[in-house]
């Protein structure tokens, strides 16, 4: 992942799959940029009990752009993101029905 690919993001979610556990991105410059630009960051590994992603709901949303494994979604209303960095917890709330 290169910075120019994610520079406009407000939240980044890296998620593992059944047969592939993701490790958090590394690099002090990466996290310095996330902090400086106030970008939320989640690492999710559901099979290890580390979070949950509603893949069915995400798959049902129209993509603004798709490129390989990357699927860019945009919503008419902002998503609500709640994070507690000290506790290492957070959630992204779906928009209300009819607003996506």
C-alpha atoms as a PDB file:
ATOM      1  CA  UNK A   1       0.000   0.000   0.000  1.00  0.00           C
ATOM      2  CA  UNK A   2       1.463   3.335  -1.042  1.00  0.00           C
ATOM      3  CA  UNK A   3       0.571   6.657   0.615  1.00  0.00           C
ATOM      4  CA  UNK A   4      -0.834   8.131  -2.613  1.00  0.00           C
ATOM      5  CA  UNK A   5      -3.344   5.249  -2.709  1.00  0.00           C
ATOM      6  CA  UNK A   6      -4.751   6.059   0.733  1.00  0.00           C
ATOM      7  CA  UNK A   7      -4.049   9.762   1.252  1.00  0.00           C
ATOM      8  CA  UNK A   8      -7.745  10.726   1.046  1.00  0.00           C
ATOM      9  CA  UNK A   9      -8.972   8.010   3.406  1.00  0.00           C
ATOM     10  CA  UNK A  10     -10.593   8.852   6.728  1.00  0.00           C
ATOM     11  CA  UNK A  11     -10.554   5.231   7.979  1.00  0.00           C
ATOM     12  CA  UNK A  12      -8.539   2.193   6.896  1.00  0.00           C
ATOM     13  CA  UNK A  13      -9.596  -1.355   7.752  1.00  0.00           C
ATOM     14  CA  UNK A  14      -7.179  -4.219   7.116  1.00  0.00           C
ATOM     15  CA  UNK A  15      -8.996  -7.519   7.468  1.00  0.00           C
ATOM     16  CA  UNK A  16      -7.908 -11.127   7.508  1.00  0.00           C
ATOM     17  CA  UNK A  17      -9.795 -14.023   5.977  1.00  0.00           C
ATOM     18  CA  UNK A  18     -10.381 -17.640   7.030  1.00  0.00           C
ATOM     19  CA  UNK A  19      -7.164 -18.834   5.434  1.00  0.00           C
ATOM     20  CA  UNK A  20      -5.179 -15.605   5.752  1.00  0.00           C
ATOM     21  CA  UNK A  21      -4.531 -13.723   8.975  1.00  0.00           C
ATOM     22  CA  UNK A  22      -3.494 -10.120   8.448  1.00  0.00           C
ATOM     23  CA  UNK A  23      -0.779  -8.513  10.525  1.00  0.00           C
ATOM     24  CA  UNK A  24      -0.990  -4.794  11.155  1.00  0.00           C
ATOM     25  CA  UNK A  25       0.842  -2.565   8.702  1.00  0.00           C
ATOM     26  CA  UNK A  26       4.297  -1.643   9.843  1.00  0.00           C
ATOM     27  CA  UNK A  27       6.436   1.428   9.526  1.00  0.00           C
ATOM     28  CA  UNK A  28       6.821   4.564  11.555  1.00  0.00           C
ATOM     29  CA  UNK A  29       6.167   6.835   8.546  1.00  0.00           C
ATOM     30  CA  UNK A  30       2.877   5.042   7.846  1.00  0.00           C
ATOM     31  CA  UNK A  31       1.602   5.547  11.388  1.00  0.00           C
ATOM     32  CA  UNK A  32       3.021   9.070  11.572  1.00  0.00           C
ATOM     33  CA  UNK A  33       0.954   9.948   8.485  1.00  0.00           C
ATOM     34  CA  UNK A  34      -2.166   8.292   9.929  1.00  0.00           C
ATOM     35  CA  UNK A  35      -1.769  10.291  13.125  1.00  0.00           C
ATOM     36  CA  UNK A  36      -0.947  13.580  11.388  1.00  0.00           C
ATOM     37  CA  UNK A  37      -3.930  13.313   9.034  1.00  0.00           C
ATOM     38  CA  UNK A  38      -6.247  11.865  11.708  1.00  0.00           C
ATOM     39  CA  UNK A  39      -6.961   8.667   9.767  1.00  0.00           C
ATOM     40  CA  UNK A  40      -8.616   5.888  11.762  1.00  0.00           C
ATOM     41  CA  UNK A  41      -6.991   2.456  11.467  1.00  0.00           C
ATOM     42  CA  UNK A  42      -8.429  -0.981  12.301  1.00  0.00           C
ATOM     43  CA  UNK A  43      -6.921  -4.461  11.988  1.00  0.00           C
ATOM     44  CA  UNK A  44      -9.636  -7.134  11.968  1.00  0.00           C
ATOM     45  CA  UNK A  45      -9.122 -10.918  12.259  1.00  0.00           C
ATOM     46  CA  UNK A  46     -12.599 -12.381  12.900  1.00  0.00           C
ATOM     47  CA  UNK A  47     -11.439 -16.015  13.102  1.00  0.00           C
ATOM     48  CA  UNK A  48      -9.106 -15.027  15.948  1.00  0.00           C
ATOM     49  CA  UNK A  49     -11.926 -13.186  17.736  1.00  0.00           C
ATOM     50  CA  UNK A  50     -10.488  -9.806  16.758  1.00  0.00           C
ATOM     51  CA  UNK A  51     -13.416  -7.913  15.292  1.00  0.00           C
ATOM     52  CA  UNK A  52     -16.115  -8.440  12.700  1.00  0.00           C
ATOM     53  CA  UNK A  53     -16.779  -7.207   9.169  1.00  0.00           C
ATOM     54  CA  UNK A  54     -20.264  -7.460   7.619  1.00  0.00           C
ATOM     55  CA  UNK A  55     -19.025  -8.686   4.229  1.00  0.00           C
ATOM     56  CA  UNK A  56     -22.545  -9.428   2.937  1.00  0.00           C
ATOM     57  CA  UNK A  57     -23.627  -5.828   3.548  1.00  0.00           C
ATOM     58  CA  UNK A  58     -20.431  -4.409   2.027  1.00  0.00           C
ATOM     59  CA  UNK A  59     -20.749  -6.659  -1.040  1.00  0.00           C
ATOM     60  CA  UNK A  60     -24.301  -5.410  -1.592  1.00  0.00           C
ATOM     61  CA  UNK A  61     -23.157  -1.752  -1.776  1.00  0.00           C
ATOM     62  CA  UNK A  62     -22.393  -0.276  -5.210  1.00  0.00           C
ATOM     63  CA  UNK A  63     -18.681   0.280  -5.793  1.00  0.00           C
ATOM     64  CA  UNK A  64     -17.418   3.676  -6.897  1.00  0.00           C
ATOM     65  CA  UNK A  65     -14.327   1.897  -8.241  1.00  0.00           C
ATOM     66  CA  UNK A  66     -12.835  -1.600  -8.223  1.00  0.00           C
ATOM     67  CA  UNK A  67      -9.231  -2.578  -8.902  1.00  0.00           C
ATOM     68  CA  UNK A  68      -8.121  -6.129  -8.133  1.00  0.00           C
ATOM     69  CA  UNK A  69      -8.674  -6.801  -4.432  1.00  0.00           C
ATOM     70  CA  UNK A  70      -9.518  -3.172  -3.678  1.00  0.00           C
ATOM     71  CA  UNK A  71     -13.148  -2.076  -3.732  1.00  0.00           C
ATOM     72  CA  UNK A  72     -13.812   1.638  -3.156  1.00  0.00           C
ATOM     73  CA  UNK A  73     -17.196   2.464  -1.642  1.00  0.00           C
ATOM     74  CA  UNK A  74     -18.700   5.930  -1.264  1.00  0.00           C
ATOM     75  CA  UNK A  75     -21.839   6.814   0.651  1.00  0.00           C
ATOM     76  CA  UNK A  76     -24.149   9.804   0.345  1.00  0.00           C
ATOM     77  CA  UNK A  77     -24.027  10.287   4.120  1.00  0.00           C
ATOM     78  CA  UNK A  78     -20.891   9.980   6.276  1.00  0.00           C
ATOM     79  CA  UNK A  79     -20.348   6.771   8.220  1.00  0.00           C
ATOM     80  CA  UNK A  80     -20.014   7.195  11.958  1.00  0.00           C
ATOM     81  CA  UNK A  81     -16.661   5.946  13.282  1.00  0.00           C
ATOM     82  CA  UNK A  82     -16.153   5.459  17.017  1.00  0.00           C
ATOM     83  CA  UNK A  83     -12.643   4.647  18.251  1.00  0.00           C
ATOM     84  CA  UNK A  84     -11.010   4.224  21.652  1.00  0.00           C
ATOM     85  CA  UNK A  85      -7.279   4.032  20.965  1.00  0.00           C
ATOM     86  CA  UNK A  86      -6.385   3.431  24.599  1.00  0.00           C
ATOM     87  CA  UNK A  87      -8.620   0.357  24.812  1.00  0.00           C
ATOM     88  CA  UNK A  88      -7.873  -0.738  21.236  1.00  0.00           C
ATOM     89  CA  UNK A  89     -11.570  -0.879  20.334  1.00  0.00           C
ATOM     90  CA  UNK A  90     -13.839   0.792  17.863  1.00  0.00           C
ATOM     91  CA  UNK A  91     -16.653   0.395  15.376  1.00  0.00           C
ATOM     92  CA  UNK A  92     -17.907   1.784  12.112  1.00  0.00           C
ATOM     93  CA  UNK A  93     -21.673   2.219  12.048  1.00  0.00           C
ATOM     94  CA  UNK A  94     -23.621   1.597   8.855  1.00  0.00           C
ATOM     95  CA  UNK A  95     -25.613   4.503   7.461  1.00  0.00           C
ATOM     96  CA  UNK A  96     -29.334   4.390   8.142  1.00  0.00           C
ATOM     97  CA  UNK A  97     -31.508   2.515   5.652  1.00  0.00           C
ATOM     98  CA  UNK A  98     -32.042   4.399   2.410  1.00  0.00           C
ATOM     99  CA  UNK A  99     -28.980   6.617   2.890  1.00  0.00           C
ATOM    100  CA  UNK A 100     -26.341   4.433   1.255  1.00  0.00           C
END
